[in-house]
C-alpha atoms as a PDB file:
ATOM      1  CA  MET A   1     118.173 161.102  63.607  1.00  0.00           C
ATOM      2  CA  LEU A   2     117.985 164.264  65.606  1.00  0.00           C
ATOM      3  CA  PRO A   3     114.639 163.266  67.132  1.00  0.00           C
ATOM      4  CA  ARG A   4     116.170 159.979  68.305  1.00  0.00           C
ATOM      5  CA  LEU A   5     119.384 161.439  69.684  1.00  0.00           C
ATOM      6  CA  GLY A   6     117.491 164.034  71.549  1.00  0.00           C
ATOM      7  CA  GLU A   7     115.559 161.303  73.299  1.00  0.00           C
ATOM      8  CA  LYS A   8     118.567 159.098  73.848  1.00  0.00           C
ATOM      9  CA  PHE A   9     120.706 161.913  75.518  1.00  0.00           C
ATOM     10  CA  ASP A  10     117.772 163.655  76.866  1.00  0.00           C
ATOM     11  CA  ILE A  11     118.441 167.051  75.172  1.00  0.00           C
ATOM     12  CA  ASP A  12     116.703 169.797  73.340  1.00  0.00           C
ATOM     13  CA  PHE A  13     117.283 170.552  69.703  1.00  0.00           C
ATOM     14  CA  GLU A  14     116.163 173.061  67.077  1.00  0.00           C
ATOM     15  CA  VAL A  15     115.636 172.236  63.586  1.00  0.00           C
ATOM     16  CA  ILE A  16     115.590 175.239  61.197  1.00  0.00           C
ATOM     17  CA  LYS A  17     114.231 174.679  57.643  1.00  0.00           C
ATOM     18  CA  ARG A  18     114.445 177.294  54.973  1.00  0.00           C
ATOM     19  CA  PRO A  19     114.133 176.928  51.187  1.00  0.00           C
ATOM     20  CA  ARG A  20     117.154 176.446  49.234  1.00  0.00           C
ATOM     21  CA  HIS A  21     117.266 180.073  47.763  1.00  0.00           C
ATOM     22  CA  GLU A  22     117.484 181.713  51.217  1.00  0.00           C
ATOM     23  CA  TYR A  23     120.455 179.771  52.436  1.00  0.00           C
ATOM     24  CA  GLN A  24     122.173 180.897  49.007  1.00  0.00           C
ATOM     25  CA  SER A  25     121.280 184.701  49.510  1.00  0.00           C
ATOM     26  CA  LEU A  26     123.506 187.349  50.549  1.00  0.00           C
ATOM     27  CA  ALA A  27     121.165 188.182  53.395  1.00  0.00           C
ATOM     28  CA  TYR A  28     121.895 184.588  54.794  1.00  0.00           C
ATOM     29  CA  VAL A  29     125.616 185.101  54.487  1.00  0.00           C
ATOM     30  CA  ASP A  30     125.285 188.345  56.415  1.00  0.00           C
ATOM     31  CA  LEU A  31     124.026 186.626  59.159  1.00  0.00           C
ATOM     32  CA  GLY A  32     127.142 184.902  59.748  1.00  0.00           C
ATOM     33  CA  LEU A  33     125.556 181.555  60.255  1.00  0.00           C
ATOM     34  CA  PRO A  34     127.278 178.189  58.820  1.00  0.00           C
ATOM     35  CA  LYS A  35     126.555 176.833  55.170  1.00  0.00           C
ATOM     36  CA  ALA A  36     123.531 174.275  55.112  1.00  0.00           C
ATOM     37  CA  PRO A  37     123.377 171.649  56.077  1.00  0.00           C
ATOM     38  CA  ALA A  38     124.894 172.156  59.373  1.00  0.00           C
ATOM     39  CA  ILE A  39     124.532 171.294  63.050  1.00  0.00           C
ATOM     40  CA  MET A  40     125.737 173.640  65.774  1.00  0.00           C
ATOM     41  CA  ILE A  41     125.835 172.732  69.523  1.00  0.00           C
ATOM     42  CA  GLY A  42     125.744 175.960  71.189  1.00  0.00           C
ATOM     43  CA  GLY A  43     127.602 178.448  69.576  1.00  0.00           C
ATOM     44  CA  ASP A  44     130.059 176.038  67.929  1.00  0.00           C
ATOM     45  CA  VAL A  45     129.674 174.671  64.387  1.00  0.00           C
ATOM     46  CA  ILE A  46     130.018 170.915  64.441  1.00  0.00           C
ATOM     47  CA  VAL A  47     129.557 170.186  60.729  1.00  0.00           C
ATOM     48  CA  GLU A  48     128.507 172.648  57.911  1.00  0.00           C
ATOM     49  CA  GLY A  49     128.030 172.185  54.135  1.00  0.00           C
ATOM     50  CA  ARG A  50     127.879 168.397  54.494  1.00  0.00           C
ATOM     51  CA  ASP A  51     126.075 165.552  55.975  1.00  0.00           C
ATOM     52  CA  ILE A  52     127.485 163.802  59.289  1.00  0.00           C
ATOM     53  CA  ASP A  53     127.071 160.160  60.059  1.00  0.00           C
ATOM     54  CA  GLU A  54     124.832 159.521  63.012  1.00  0.00           C
ATOM     55  CA  GLN A  55     127.764 157.513  64.918  1.00  0.00           C
ATOM     56  CA  GLU A  56     130.129 160.343  64.539  1.00  0.00           C
ATOM     57  CA  LEU A  57     127.376 162.766  65.654  1.00  0.00           C
ATOM     58  CA  GLU A  58     126.790 160.594  68.773  1.00  0.00           C
ATOM     59  CA  LYS A  59     130.429 160.328  69.598  1.00  0.00           C
ATOM     60  CA  ILE A  60     130.426 164.200  69.564  1.00  0.00           C
ATOM     61  CA  LEU A  61     127.481 164.608  71.708  1.00  0.00           C
ATOM     62  CA  ARG A  62     128.964 161.906  74.500  1.00  0.00           C
ATOM     63  CA  GLN A  63     131.970 164.046  74.453  1.00  0.00           C
ATOM     64  CA  ARG A  64     130.220 167.253  74.934  1.00  0.00           C
ATOM     65  CA  LEU A  65     127.903 165.780  77.721  1.00  0.00           C
ATOM     66  CA  ALA A  66     131.120 164.423  79.444  1.00  0.00           C
ATOM     67  CA  GLN A  67     132.754 167.710  79.891  1.00  0.00           C
ATOM     68  CA  LYS A  68     129.776 169.151  81.705  1.00  0.00           C
END
């Protein structure tokens, strides 16, 4: 989904994958990052701990890009 939306909106994105046990560790909690799975735009957490519908994410991207 993200590569397709990145191409559609001409934006860069970064995917970070770690083993599940790392996301559940105290060290990860100390980083202050959102619960996986998560999507962040800049420093804003869009969704955490659940999946998001592609259409919903596309709507959010459109809104963010219109604000620029």
